[in-house]
Structure formats: structure tokens, C-alpha cells
Amino acid sequence: MFYIFHGEDSHSQKEYLAHNLLAKQGDPGLLDLNTTRIEKRISFRDLQQACDATPFLAPIRLVTLQDYFTTHADDDTIKQLKTYLPHLPQTTRLVFFESKKLRSNHAMLKFAAEAENGFVKEFALPDGPVLEKWIQNRAKAKNGVIAPHAVHLLAANIGSNLPLLDNELEKLILYKGDAEITAADVELLSPYLAEANIFDLVDALGNQNEKKAALLLQKKFSEGADPFYLFSMFVRQFRLLIQVKEAAADGSRPPAIAQKLNMHSFVAGKLHQQCQHFSMQQLEQIYQHLLSVDVQVKTGRSDMTTALNLFIAALTTS
């Protein structure tokens, strides 16, 4: 059998392989010995040799390729595959992982869908209500119970990064046991909510809303947040805003910015929206102000809590 898994949801691709194709194939250790993972350019001859190899002490041989059709396969290779794949050994499972959605008229999609030993499945990243449903189902599968508002917080602040969501759910369920996970639990344990709070605080600064900015800062202090950690988040946030502002000035949109700066598309979108509240000159002045705060605290001329309060006041009154 050969499989084409395509789409941005690489996390679910790997899970589908593990749970639906490999779960009943015997000893995982022996199966791993019979697995060939190919992530670089390979000749068709070498690929055929890997697929034709007889499994050793295992029922199948697994061969996986990463982004083969989008980066490696030319027209001649496609023709060779179409000739070879119908005769793939019955003991071989050949899996093509594609991290992008293949175009609907891609030659291999139609071929795999019509082949007796072929299988095609698209894995799109969940979003909106579909993402919230994924979180609910995931919590249930881990024997956890999660409140709707907690689901919304995770979806809104982590986005469609499924590995991160999975890790956060694991942590929350270990913390709560059989009890329901609430929004307060998410705010307490998820570091991504701290980043979201910084987004809100910077939004207030950009809108010259001194009262809201001061209240949000005091809320973080009352929750026991380390002032030095908050300072580092401010530095990071304004450094990213400068980078996104520069990219936007060159005409880049959030998807391209996310790829260029190696960040999640949700974060890039938020930063792109937020940087519209500031000119580049303002962002550079704020960054210089943060450097001055760092020097004042390190030289003992101020403590970090006082310095952050003055920083907020200065930005909203300037």
C-alpha cells in the first residue's frame, strides 16, 4: 500500500499513521528496525530499493518520505512512480508526507485515489469552532474535562499549533485530575497566556489608554508575576514589533512574515495588527527606553517594579 498525506496539519498526519496503520503491526521496536525515513533528495532507484527490501522479523516494512512531491519529484519521477507503485510489495507501506496541500489536479492525487493499493487523505489545520472541538475531543481522549471558556482561551492564544495544544492539555489534566479545567487554570499554567496578556498591555499602550495599561500591569503583579520576567516579555514584544514593522514596510503580509521570522501565523497576525498603532520611530524610542530601564535597574538606580510602572506612565502620557 502507498499513502499520500498532504496538508498543513503534520501533527495529525503522524498520529494517523501511528494509530491507524501501525498500531497492529507487532513489536514497535522491530517495526522501527524495518523503517526507512527519507527527508532529503533521493533517486528513484534508491527509493525502489528501500521499498523492495523484505521486512526482517516484522510483518511490514515502512518507508516514509517528507515533501517528496513538492521538492523532489519531477515529471520523469512521477511517470516512474505510476509504473512502479501498482506492483509495490504487499509487505511495504510507503507513506508520502506533504506539509502543504497539493493542488487538486496533482497527477499523483488522482492516481492514488484510483489505484487499488493507494490512499489519499488531506490534513487541514483546524481553526475556529473546528479547533475548539478538537481541543474538547483531545481532553476527553485524555480522560479530562474542560470548560468551554478554557477551551476558547487555549484556541485563541495558542491557535492551531496542535503539538503545543496537546502539551498544554496534558499539563492541565495532570494538574486537575478528574476535576474540570477552568479558564483560571489555563491562565495559571499556560505560558502562552502570559504572552497574550502582554499583547493586551501593548494594545493599551498603543491606544494611549493609561488606565487600562496600568490595571493590566498591576493585575500581573498581584498574580505574582516576576517583574524581571515581565520586563523580558516587553523587550521581546517590542523587538518583534520592530521586525514585523520592517517586514510590513517591505510589503510582506502576515503569512510571509510568519515564515520569515519563524513564528506561528496567529502571532504574526496579532503583531502585524498591533504594529499599526506605532510608527517605526516610536517603536525604536520605546526600545531605547527599555534599554535605559535595564541599565537603571542593573546599576541600582531603580527597582524593576517601579521602573515598569514609570515605563507604562511615560508611554501613555508622551
C-alpha atoms as a PDB file:
ATOM      1  CA  MET A   1       0.000   0.000   0.000  1.00  0.00           C
ATOM      2  CA  PHE A   2       1.070   3.585  -0.577  1.00  0.00           C
ATOM      3  CA  TYR A   3      -0.377   6.647   1.108  1.00  0.00           C
ATOM      4  CA  ILE A   4      -0.330  10.373   0.351  1.00  0.00           C
ATOM      5  CA  PHE A   5      -0.954  12.543   3.412  1.00  0.00           C
ATOM      6  CA  HIS A   6      -0.988  16.226   2.474  1.00  0.00           C
ATOM      7  CA  GLY A   7      -1.869  19.492   4.215  1.00  0.00           C
ATOM      8  CA  GLU A   8      -0.529  21.795   6.916  1.00  0.00           C
ATOM      9  CA  ASP A   9      -1.539  19.563   9.850  1.00  0.00           C
ATOM     10  CA  SER A  10       1.648  17.473  10.062  1.00  0.00           C
ATOM     11  CA  HIS A  11       0.854  16.569  13.675  1.00  0.00           C
ATOM     12  CA  SER A  12      -2.316  14.695  12.715  1.00  0.00           C
ATOM     13  CA  GLN A  13      -0.573  13.061   9.760  1.00  0.00           C
ATOM     14  CA  LYS A  14       1.916  11.374  12.093  1.00  0.00           C
ATOM     15  CA  GLU A  15      -0.828  10.417  14.552  1.00  0.00           C
ATOM     16  CA  TYR A  16      -2.965   8.882  11.812  1.00  0.00           C
ATOM     17  CA  LEU A  17      -0.002   6.779  10.719  1.00  0.00           C
ATOM     18  CA  ALA A  18       0.673   5.579  14.275  1.00  0.00           C
ATOM     19  CA  HIS A  19      -2.930   4.872  15.295  1.00  0.00           C
ATOM     20  CA  ASN A  20      -4.488   3.665  12.050  1.00  0.00           C
ATOM     21  CA  LEU A  21      -1.676   1.970  10.144  1.00  0.00           C
ATOM     22  CA  LEU A  22       0.960   0.816  12.611  1.00  0.00           C
ATOM     23  CA  ALA A  23      -0.886   0.062  15.850  1.00  0.00           C
ATOM     24  CA  LYS A  24      -1.455  -3.619  14.992  1.00  0.00           C
ATOM     25  CA  GLN A  25       1.846  -4.340  13.267  1.00  0.00           C
ATOM     26  CA  GLY A  26       3.582  -6.084  16.147  1.00  0.00           C
ATOM     27  CA  ASP A  27       6.592  -5.112  18.253  1.00  0.00           C
ATOM     28  CA  PRO A  28       7.270  -1.353  17.827  1.00  0.00           C
ATOM     29  CA  GLY A  29      10.995  -1.972  18.279  1.00  0.00           C
ATOM     30  CA  LEU A  30      11.143  -4.443  15.413  1.00  0.00           C
ATOM     31  CA  LEU A  31       8.953  -2.192  13.282  1.00  0.00           C
ATOM     32  CA  ASP A  32      11.366   0.676  13.888  1.00  0.00           C
ATOM     33  CA  LEU A  33      14.214  -1.525  12.633  1.00  0.00           C
ATOM     34  CA  ASN A  34      12.201  -2.022   9.455  1.00  0.00           C
ATOM     35  CA  THR A  35      11.519   1.683   8.922  1.00  0.00           C
ATOM     36  CA  THR A  36      13.282   3.913   6.414  1.00  0.00           C
ATOM     37  CA  ARG A  37      12.704   7.650   6.813  1.00  0.00           C
ATOM     38  CA  ILE A  38      13.733   9.783   3.841  1.00  0.00           C
ATOM     39  CA  GLU A  39      13.852  13.575   4.251  1.00  0.00           C
ATOM     40  CA  LYS A  40      16.337  14.522   1.546  1.00  0.00           C
ATOM     41  CA  ARG A  41      16.601  14.130  -2.203  1.00  0.00           C
ATOM     42  CA  ILE A  42      16.738  10.501  -3.252  1.00  0.00           C
ATOM     43  CA  SER A  43      16.954   8.857  -6.653  1.00  0.00           C
ATOM     44  CA  PHE A  44      14.049   6.755  -7.842  1.00  0.00           C
ATOM     45  CA  ARG A  45      16.350   3.725  -7.901  1.00  0.00           C
ATOM     46  CA  ASP A  46      17.257   4.152  -4.222  1.00  0.00           C
ATOM     47  CA  LEU A  47      13.597   4.643  -3.329  1.00  0.00           C
ATOM     48  CA  GLN A  48      12.664   1.446  -5.146  1.00  0.00           C
ATOM     49  CA  GLN A  49      15.418  -0.474  -3.362  1.00  0.00           C
ATOM     50  CA  ALA A  50      14.122   0.739   0.024  1.00  0.00           C
ATOM     51  CA  CYS A  51      10.579  -0.328  -0.849  1.00  0.00           C
ATOM     52  CA  ASP A  52      11.574  -3.713  -2.300  1.00  0.00           C
ATOM     53  CA  ALA A  53      13.544  -4.771   0.788  1.00  0.00           C
ATOM     54  CA  THR A  54      11.994  -7.709   2.637  1.00  0.00           C
ATOM     55  CA  PRO A  55      10.978  -6.951   6.256  1.00  0.00           C
ATOM     56  CA  PHE A  56      13.080  -8.668   8.934  1.00  0.00           C
ATOM     57  CA  LEU A  57      11.166 -10.282  11.840  1.00  0.00           C
ATOM     58  CA  ALA A  58       8.250  -7.896  11.250  1.00  0.00           C
ATOM     59  CA  PRO A  59       5.068  -8.140   9.137  1.00  0.00           C
ATOM     60  CA  ILE A  60       5.761  -4.968   7.146  1.00  0.00           C
ATOM     61  CA  ARG A  61       8.453  -2.562   6.015  1.00  0.00           C
ATOM     62  CA  LEU A  62       7.652   1.142   6.408  1.00  0.00           C
ATOM     63  CA  VAL A  63       9.141   3.767   4.102  1.00  0.00           C
ATOM     64  CA  THR A  64       8.292   7.438   4.636  1.00  0.00           C
ATOM     65  CA  LEU A  65       9.202  10.450   2.513  1.00  0.00           C
ATOM     66  CA  GLN A  66       8.881  14.100   3.531  1.00  0.00           C
ATOM     67  CA  ASP A  67       7.715  16.683   0.951  1.00  0.00           C
ATOM     68  CA  TYR A  68       8.739  14.418  -1.913  1.00  0.00           C
ATOM     69  CA  PHE A  69       6.245  15.738  -4.446  1.00  0.00           C
ATOM     70  CA  THR A  70       6.765  19.428  -3.646  1.00  0.00           C
ATOM     71  CA  THR A  71      10.569  19.410  -3.569  1.00  0.00           C
ATOM     72  CA  HIS A  72      11.984  16.290  -5.229  1.00  0.00           C
ATOM     73  CA  ALA A  73       9.713  14.663  -7.809  1.00  0.00           C
ATOM     74  CA  ASP A  74       9.912  15.839 -11.425  1.00  0.00           C
ATOM     75  CA  ASP A  75       7.740  14.650 -14.320  1.00  0.00           C
ATOM     76  CA  ASP A  76      10.024  11.717 -15.111  1.00  0.00           C
ATOM     77  CA  THR A  77       9.903  10.549 -11.490  1.00  0.00           C
ATOM     78  CA  ILE A  78       6.095  10.776 -11.467  1.00  0.00           C
ATOM     79  CA  LYS A  79       5.980   8.543 -14.556  1.00  0.00           C
ATOM     80  CA  GLN A  80       8.302   6.021 -12.906  1.00  0.00           C
ATOM     81  CA  LEU A  81       6.152   6.022  -9.769  1.00  0.00           C
ATOM     82  CA  LYS A  82       2.983   5.400 -11.733  1.00  0.00           C
ATOM     83  CA  THR A  83       4.622   2.398 -13.348  1.00  0.00           C
ATOM     84  CA  TYR A  84       6.112   1.026 -10.128  1.00  0.00           C
ATOM     85  CA  LEU A  85       3.539   1.656  -7.394  1.00  0.00           C
ATOM     86  CA  PRO A  86       0.848  -0.786  -8.618  1.00  0.00           C
ATOM     87  CA  HIS A  87       3.482  -3.505  -8.119  1.00  0.00           C
ATOM     88  CA  LEU A  88       4.651  -2.341  -4.684  1.00  0.00           C
ATOM     89  CA  PRO A  89       5.378  -5.368  -2.446  1.00  0.00           C
ATOM     90  CA  GLN A  90       2.408  -6.278  -0.257  1.00  0.00           C
ATOM     91  CA  THR A  91       4.665  -6.120   2.802  1.00  0.00           C
ATOM     92  CA  THR A  92       5.633  -2.474   2.146  1.00  0.00           C
ATOM     93  CA  ARG A  93       3.831   0.591   3.451  1.00  0.00           C
ATOM     94  CA  LEU A  94       5.045   3.642   1.541  1.00  0.00           C
ATOM     95  CA  VAL A  95       3.921   6.967   3.030  1.00  0.00           C
ATOM     96  CA  PHE A  96       4.344  10.372   1.380  1.00  0.00           C
ATOM     97  CA  PHE A  97       4.091  13.178   3.961  1.00  0.00           C
ATOM     98  CA  GLU A  98       3.447  16.550   2.321  1.00  0.00           C
ATOM     99  CA  SER A  99       3.460  19.566   4.665  1.00  0.00           C
ATOM    100  CA  LYS A 100       1.474  21.665   2.165  1.00  0.00           C
ATOM    101  CA  LYS A 101      -1.821  20.912   0.471  1.00  0.00           C
ATOM    102  CA  LEU A 102      -1.234  19.521  -3.008  1.00  0.00           C
ATOM    103  CA  ARG A 103      -3.216  21.145  -5.793  1.00  0.00           C
ATOM    104  CA  SER A 104      -6.423  19.281  -6.588  1.00  0.00           C
ATOM    105  CA  ASN A 105      -5.281  18.397 -10.111  1.00  0.00           C
ATOM    106  CA  HIS A 106      -1.921  16.997  -8.989  1.00  0.00           C
ATOM    107  CA  ALA A 107      -1.215  13.882 -11.044  1.00  0.00           C
ATOM    108  CA  MET A 108      -0.391  11.713  -8.027  1.00  0.00           C
ATOM    109  CA  LEU A 109      -3.582  12.555  -6.129  1.00  0.00           C
ATOM    110  CA  LYS A 110      -5.823  11.217  -8.882  1.00  0.00           C
ATOM    111  CA  PHE A 111      -3.544   8.242  -9.433  1.00  0.00           C
ATOM    112  CA  ALA A 112      -3.502   7.279  -5.731  1.00  0.00           C
ATOM    113  CA  ALA A 113      -7.262   7.719  -5.364  1.00  0.00           C
ATOM    114  CA  GLU A 114      -7.918   5.350  -8.272  1.00  0.00           C
ATOM    115  CA  ALA A 115      -5.192   2.791  -7.530  1.00  0.00           C
ATOM    116  CA  GLU A 116      -6.254  -0.397  -5.733  1.00  0.00           C
ATOM    117  CA  ASN A 117      -3.317  -0.096  -3.353  1.00  0.00           C
ATOM    118  CA  GLY A 118      -3.400   3.722  -2.997  1.00  0.00           C
ATOM    119  CA  PHE A 119      -4.854   6.032  -0.374  1.00  0.00           C
ATOM    120  CA  VAL A 120      -5.114   9.843  -0.157  1.00  0.00           C
ATOM    121  CA  LYS A 121      -6.031  11.982   2.851  1.00  0.00           C
ATOM    122  CA  GLU A 122      -5.860  15.733   3.311  1.00  0.00           C
ATOM    123  CA  PHE A 123      -4.969  17.119   6.748  1.00  0.00           C
ATOM    124  CA  ALA A 124      -6.021  20.756   7.071  1.00  0.00           C
ATOM    125  CA  LEU A 125      -5.198  22.679  10.241  1.00  0.00           C
ATOM    126  CA  PRO A 126      -8.341  23.119  12.353  1.00  0.00           C
ATOM    127  CA  ASP A 127      -9.492  26.659  13.033  1.00  0.00           C
ATOM    128  CA  GLY A 128     -12.368  28.441  14.761  1.00  0.00           C
ATOM    129  CA  PRO A 129     -15.138  26.108  16.013  1.00  0.00           C
ATOM    130  CA  VAL A 130     -13.354  23.094  14.482  1.00  0.00           C
ATOM    131  CA  LEU A 131     -10.246  23.855  16.541  1.00  0.00           C
ATOM    132  CA  GLU A 132     -12.305  24.229  19.744  1.00  0.00           C
ATOM    133  CA  LYS A 133     -13.975  20.890  19.006  1.00  0.00           C
ATOM    134  CA  TRP A 134     -10.519  19.349  18.554  1.00  0.00           C
ATOM    135  CA  ILE A 135      -9.470  20.640  21.986  1.00  0.00           C
ATOM    136  CA  GLN A 136     -12.632  19.242  23.613  1.00  0.00           C
ATOM    137  CA  ASN A 137     -12.181  15.846  21.974  1.00  0.00           C
ATOM    138  CA  ARG A 138      -8.499  15.771  22.845  1.00  0.00           C
ATOM    139  CA  ALA A 139      -9.199  16.497  26.502  1.00  0.00           C
ATOM    140  CA  LYS A 140     -11.864  13.773  26.538  1.00  0.00           C
ATOM    141  CA  ALA A 141      -9.462  11.267  24.962  1.00  0.00           C
ATOM    142  CA  LYS A 142      -7.025  12.011  27.795  1.00  0.00           C
ATOM    143  CA  ASN A 143      -9.830  11.450  30.355  1.00  0.00           C
ATOM    144  CA  GLY A 144     -10.019  15.145  31.136  1.00  0.00           C
ATOM    145  CA  VAL A 145     -12.924  17.590  31.442  1.00  0.00           C
ATOM    146  CA  ILE A 146     -12.531  21.170  30.203  1.00  0.00           C
ATOM    147  CA  ALA A 147     -14.871  24.148  30.480  1.00  0.00           C
ATOM    148  CA  PRO A 148     -15.943  25.986  27.282  1.00  0.00           C
ATOM    149  CA  HIS A 149     -14.220  29.248  28.293  1.00  0.00           C
ATOM    150  CA  ALA A 150     -10.987  27.361  28.968  1.00  0.00           C
ATOM    151  CA  VAL A 151     -11.261  25.800  25.502  1.00  0.00           C
ATOM    152  CA  HIS A 152     -11.739  29.254  23.989  1.00  0.00           C
ATOM    153  CA  LEU A 153      -8.701  30.660  25.814  1.00  0.00           C
ATOM    154  CA  LEU A 154      -6.452  27.881  24.557  1.00  0.00           C
ATOM    155  CA  ALA A 155      -7.733  28.194  20.988  1.00  0.00           C
ATOM    156  CA  ALA A 156      -7.475  31.980  20.917  1.00  0.00           C
ATOM    157  CA  ASN A 157      -3.987  32.218  22.404  1.00  0.00           C
ATOM    158  CA  ILE A 158      -2.196  29.166  21.015  1.00  0.00           C
ATOM    159  CA  GLY A 159      -4.029  28.856  17.720  1.00  0.00           C
ATOM    160  CA  SER A 160      -3.693  25.775  15.528  1.00  0.00           C
ATOM    161  CA  ASN A 161      -0.330  24.659  16.898  1.00  0.00           C
ATOM    162  CA  LEU A 162      -1.570  21.170  17.757  1.00  0.00           C
ATOM    163  CA  PRO A 163       1.616  19.827  19.386  1.00  0.00           C
ATOM    164  CA  LEU A 164       1.644  22.805  21.780  1.00  0.00           C
ATOM    165  CA  LEU A 165      -2.074  22.431  22.499  1.00  0.00           C
ATOM    166  CA  ASP A 166      -1.547  18.753  23.197  1.00  0.00           C
ATOM    167  CA  ASN A 167       1.263  19.530  25.652  1.00  0.00           C
ATOM    168  CA  GLU A 168      -0.813  22.189  27.410  1.00  0.00           C
ATOM    169  CA  LEU A 169      -3.772  19.814  27.772  1.00  0.00           C
ATOM    170  CA  GLU A 170      -1.507  17.110  29.161  1.00  0.00           C
ATOM    171  CA  LYS A 171      -0.172  19.535  31.771  1.00  0.00           C
ATOM    172  CA  LEU A 172      -3.621  20.850  32.693  1.00  0.00           C
ATOM    173  CA  ILE A 173      -5.115  17.359  33.072  1.00  0.00           C
ATOM    174  CA  LEU A 174      -2.223  16.233  35.268  1.00  0.00           C
ATOM    175  CA  TYR A 175      -2.809  19.317  37.413  1.00  0.00           C
ATOM    176  CA  LYS A 176      -6.605  18.967  37.714  1.00  0.00           C
ATOM    177  CA  GLY A 177      -7.075  15.203  37.660  1.00  0.00           C
ATOM    178  CA  ASP A 178     -10.789  14.383  37.412  1.00  0.00           C
ATOM    179  CA  ALA A 179     -11.877  17.985  38.111  1.00  0.00           C
ATOM    180  CA  GLU A 180     -12.952  20.338  35.336  1.00  0.00           C
ATOM    181  CA  ILE A 181     -10.248  22.538  33.796  1.00  0.00           C
ATOM    182  CA  THR A 182     -11.314  26.167  34.108  1.00  0.00           C
ATOM    183  CA  ALA A 183     -10.200  29.397  32.458  1.00  0.00           C
ATOM    184  CA  ALA A 184      -8.388  30.284  35.685  1.00  0.00           C
ATOM    185  CA  ASP A 185      -6.351  27.052  35.407  1.00  0.00           C
ATOM    186  CA  VAL A 186      -5.337  27.923  31.858  1.00  0.00           C
ATOM    187  CA  GLU A 187      -4.301  31.435  32.911  1.00  0.00           C
ATOM    188  CA  LEU A 188      -2.285  29.999  35.804  1.00  0.00           C
ATOM    189  CA  LEU A 189      -0.413  27.251  33.976  1.00  0.00           C
ATOM    190  CA  SER A 190      -0.120  28.265  30.331  1.00  0.00           C
ATOM    191  CA  PRO A 191       2.887  30.466  29.464  1.00  0.00           C
ATOM    192  CA  TYR A 192       1.126  31.437  26.246  1.00  0.00           C
ATOM    193  CA  LEU A 193      -1.493  33.328  28.256  1.00  0.00           C
ATOM    194  CA  ALA A 194       1.307  35.447  29.706  1.00  0.00           C
ATOM    195  CA  GLU A 195       2.257  36.375  26.154  1.00  0.00           C
ATOM    196  CA  ALA A 196      -1.402  37.121  25.388  1.00  0.00           C
ATOM    197  CA  ASN A 197      -1.569  39.446  28.399  1.00  0.00           C
ATOM    198  CA  ILE A 198       1.479  41.289  27.087  1.00  0.00           C
ATOM    199  CA  PHE A 199      -0.349  41.682  23.760  1.00  0.00           C
ATOM    200  CA  ASP A 200      -3.267  43.270  25.640  1.00  0.00           C
ATOM    201  CA  LEU A 201      -0.942  45.547  27.581  1.00  0.00           C
ATOM    202  CA  VAL A 202       0.868  46.712  24.446  1.00  0.00           C
ATOM    203  CA  ASP A 203      -2.505  47.274  22.764  1.00  0.00           C
ATOM    204  CA  ALA A 204      -3.431  49.588  25.643  1.00  0.00           C
ATOM    205  CA  LEU A 205      -0.111  51.429  25.254  1.00  0.00           C
ATOM    206  CA  GLY A 206      -0.663  51.846  21.523  1.00  0.00           C
ATOM    207  CA  ASN A 207      -4.121  53.276  22.173  1.00  0.00           C
ATOM    208  CA  GLN A 208      -2.761  55.671  24.818  1.00  0.00           C
ATOM    209  CA  ASN A 209      -5.051  54.013  27.383  1.00  0.00           C
ATOM    210  CA  GLU A 210      -3.039  54.679  30.542  1.00  0.00           C
ATOM    211  CA  LYS A 211      -5.726  53.391  32.924  1.00  0.00           C
ATOM    212  CA  LYS A 212      -6.097  50.020  31.196  1.00  0.00           C
ATOM    213  CA  ALA A 213      -2.338  49.571  30.791  1.00  0.00           C
ATOM    214  CA  ALA A 214      -1.744  50.345  34.469  1.00  0.00           C
ATOM    215  CA  LEU A 215      -4.540  47.996  35.574  1.00  0.00           C
ATOM    216  CA  LEU A 216      -3.199  45.145  33.432  1.00  0.00           C
ATOM    217  CA  LEU A 217       0.308  45.640  34.835  1.00  0.00           C
ATOM    218  CA  GLN A 218      -0.964  45.683  38.420  1.00  0.00           C
ATOM    219  CA  LYS A 219      -3.014  42.555  37.705  1.00  0.00           C
ATOM    220  CA  LYS A 220       0.153  40.736  36.666  1.00  0.00           C
ATOM    221  CA  PHE A 221       1.935  41.936  39.808  1.00  0.00           C
ATOM    222  CA  SER A 222      -0.978  40.791  42.007  1.00  0.00           C
ATOM    223  CA  GLU A 223      -0.862  37.356  40.356  1.00  0.00           C
ATOM    224  CA  GLY A 224       2.736  37.047  41.487  1.00  0.00           C
ATOM    225  CA  ALA A 225       4.394  37.579  38.111  1.00  0.00           C
ATOM    226  CA  ASP A 226       8.150  38.170  38.326  1.00  0.00           C
ATOM    227  CA  PRO A 227       8.862  41.809  37.315  1.00  0.00           C
ATOM    228  CA  PHE A 228      12.042  40.711  35.541  1.00  0.00           C
ATOM    229  CA  TYR A 229      10.055  38.156  33.537  1.00  0.00           C
ATOM    230  CA  LEU A 230       7.519  40.840  32.581  1.00  0.00           C
ATOM    231  CA  PHE A 231      10.376  43.118  31.538  1.00  0.00           C
ATOM    232  CA  SER A 232      11.819  40.387  29.317  1.00  0.00           C
ATOM    233  CA  MET A 233       8.380  39.945  27.712  1.00  0.00           C
ATOM    234  CA  PHE A 234       8.182  43.689  26.993  1.00  0.00           C
ATOM    235  CA  VAL A 235      11.644  43.613  25.400  1.00  0.00           C
ATOM    236  CA  ARG A 236      10.710  40.602  23.286  1.00  0.00           C
ATOM    237  CA  GLN A 237       7.363  42.101  22.247  1.00  0.00           C
ATOM    238  CA  PHE A 238       8.777  45.415  21.052  1.00  0.00           C
ATOM    239  CA  ARG A 239      11.713  43.727  19.329  1.00  0.00           C
ATOM    240  CA  LEU A 240       9.214  41.584  17.395  1.00  0.00           C
ATOM    241  CA  LEU A 241       7.073  44.632  16.615  1.00  0.00           C
ATOM    242  CA  ILE A 242      10.107  46.357  15.078  1.00  0.00           C
ATOM    243  CA  GLN A 243      10.879  43.269  12.973  1.00  0.00           C
ATOM    244  CA  VAL A 244       7.255  42.922  11.828  1.00  0.00           C
ATOM    245  CA  LYS A 245       7.009  46.670  11.104  1.00  0.00           C
ATOM    246  CA  GLU A 246      10.098  46.430   8.893  1.00  0.00           C
ATOM    247  CA  ALA A 247       8.715  43.410   7.056  1.00  0.00           C
ATOM    248  CA  ALA A 248       5.327  45.080   6.591  1.00  0.00           C
ATOM    249  CA  ALA A 249       7.030  48.165   5.172  1.00  0.00           C
ATOM    250  CA  ASP A 250       8.551  45.916   2.504  1.00  0.00           C
ATOM    251  CA  GLY A 251       5.069  44.735   1.561  1.00  0.00           C
ATOM    252  CA  SER A 252       5.040  41.419   3.421  1.00  0.00           C
ATOM    253  CA  ARG A 253       1.735  40.081   4.729  1.00  0.00           C
ATOM    254  CA  PRO A 254       1.324  38.023   7.957  1.00  0.00           C
ATOM    255  CA  PRO A 255       1.756  34.555   6.328  1.00  0.00           C
ATOM    256  CA  ALA A 256       5.068  35.614   4.764  1.00  0.00           C
ATOM    257  CA  ILE A 257       6.142  37.372   7.962  1.00  0.00           C
ATOM    258  CA  ALA A 258       5.411  34.232   9.992  1.00  0.00           C
ATOM    259  CA  GLN A 259       7.622  32.177   7.697  1.00  0.00           C
ATOM    260  CA  LYS A 260      10.404  34.761   7.573  1.00  0.00           C
ATOM    261  CA  LEU A 261      10.552  35.268  11.355  1.00  0.00           C
ATOM    262  CA  ASN A 262       9.850  31.616  12.196  1.00  0.00           C
ATOM    263  CA  MET A 263       6.743  32.291  14.271  1.00  0.00           C
ATOM    264  CA  HIS A 264       3.195  30.976  14.373  1.00  0.00           C
ATOM    265  CA  SER A 265       0.845  32.625  11.865  1.00  0.00           C
ATOM    266  CA  PHE A 266      -1.553  33.583  14.695  1.00  0.00           C
ATOM    267  CA  VAL A 267       1.222  35.532  16.476  1.00  0.00           C
ATOM    268  CA  ALA A 268       2.362  37.151  13.218  1.00  0.00           C
ATOM    269  CA  GLY A 269      -1.191  38.311  12.542  1.00  0.00           C
ATOM    270  CA  LYS A 270      -1.525  39.826  16.006  1.00  0.00           C
ATOM    271  CA  LEU A 271       1.839  41.591  15.728  1.00  0.00           C
ATOM    272  CA  HIS A 272       1.016  42.888  12.246  1.00  0.00           C
ATOM    273  CA  GLN A 273      -2.226  44.361  13.543  1.00  0.00           C
ATOM    274  CA  GLN A 274      -0.556  45.775  16.644  1.00  0.00           C
ATOM    275  CA  CYS A 275       2.347  47.466  14.871  1.00  0.00           C
ATOM    276  CA  GLN A 276      -0.147  49.690  13.030  1.00  0.00           C
ATOM    277  CA  HIS A 277      -0.594  51.621  16.314  1.00  0.00           C
ATOM    278  CA  PHE A 278       3.071  52.696  16.296  1.00  0.00           C
ATOM    279  CA  SER A 279       5.404  54.453  13.898  1.00  0.00           C
ATOM    280  CA  MET A 280       8.866  52.958  13.428  1.00  0.00           C
ATOM    281  CA  GLN A 281      10.330  55.992  15.231  1.00  0.00           C
ATOM    282  CA  GLN A 282       8.039  55.351  18.224  1.00  0.00           C
ATOM    283  CA  LEU A 283       8.995  51.669  18.356  1.00  0.00           C
ATOM    284  CA  GLU A 284      12.700  52.485  18.259  1.00  0.00           C
ATOM    285  CA  GLN A 285      12.281  55.098  21.010  1.00  0.00           C
ATOM    286  CA  ILE A 286      10.375  52.599  23.182  1.00  0.00           C
ATOM    287  CA  TYR A 287      13.109  50.016  22.676  1.00  0.00           C
ATOM    288  CA  GLN A 288      15.726  52.560  23.713  1.00  0.00           C
ATOM    289  CA  HIS A 289      13.589  53.344  26.779  1.00  0.00           C
ATOM    290  CA  LEU A 290      13.603  49.653  27.697  1.00  0.00           C
ATOM    291  CA  LEU A 291      17.384  49.569  27.407  1.00  0.00           C
ATOM    292  CA  SER A 292      17.529  52.559  29.787  1.00  0.00           C
ATOM    293  CA  VAL A 293      15.292  50.688  32.249  1.00  0.00           C
ATOM    294  CA  ASP A 294      17.669  47.737  32.106  1.00  0.00           C
ATOM    295  CA  VAL A 295      20.668  49.963  32.891  1.00  0.00           C
ATOM    296  CA  GLN A 296      18.864  51.775  35.746  1.00  0.00           C
ATOM    297  CA  VAL A 297      17.895  48.517  37.445  1.00  0.00           C
ATOM    298  CA  LYS A 298      21.283  46.865  36.995  1.00  0.00           C
ATOM    299  CA  THR A 299      23.098  49.906  38.384  1.00  0.00           C
ATOM    300  CA  GLY A 300      20.778  50.093  41.415  1.00  0.00           C
ATOM    301  CA  ARG A 301      19.184  53.423  40.495  1.00  0.00           C
ATOM    302  CA  SER A 302      15.721  51.821  40.426  1.00  0.00           C
ATOM    303  CA  ASP A 303      13.952  48.565  41.230  1.00  0.00           C
ATOM    304  CA  MET A 304      12.198  46.705  38.396  1.00  0.00           C
ATOM    305  CA  THR A 305       8.649  47.110  39.725  1.00  0.00           C
ATOM    306  CA  THR A 306       8.993  50.891  39.994  1.00  0.00           C
ATOM    307  CA  ALA A 307      10.766  51.080  36.642  1.00  0.00           C
ATOM    308  CA  LEU A 308       7.958  49.197  34.873  1.00  0.00           C
ATOM    309  CA  ASN A 309       5.294  51.443  36.410  1.00  0.00           C
ATOM    310  CA  LEU A 310       7.214  54.522  35.259  1.00  0.00           C
ATOM    311  CA  PHE A 311       7.713  52.951  31.830  1.00  0.00           C
ATOM    312  CA  ILE A 312       3.944  52.491  31.410  1.00  0.00           C
ATOM    313  CA  ALA A 313       3.220  56.009  32.636  1.00  0.00           C
ATOM    314  CA  ALA A 314       5.806  57.544  30.311  1.00  0.00           C
ATOM    315  CA  LEU A 315       4.474  55.801  27.218  1.00  0.00           C
ATOM    316  CA  THR A 316       0.831  56.670  27.806  1.00  0.00           C
ATOM    317  CA  THR A 317       1.499  60.350  28.522  1.00  0.00           C
ATOM    318  CA  SER A 318       4.025  61.002  25.754  1.00  0.00           C
END
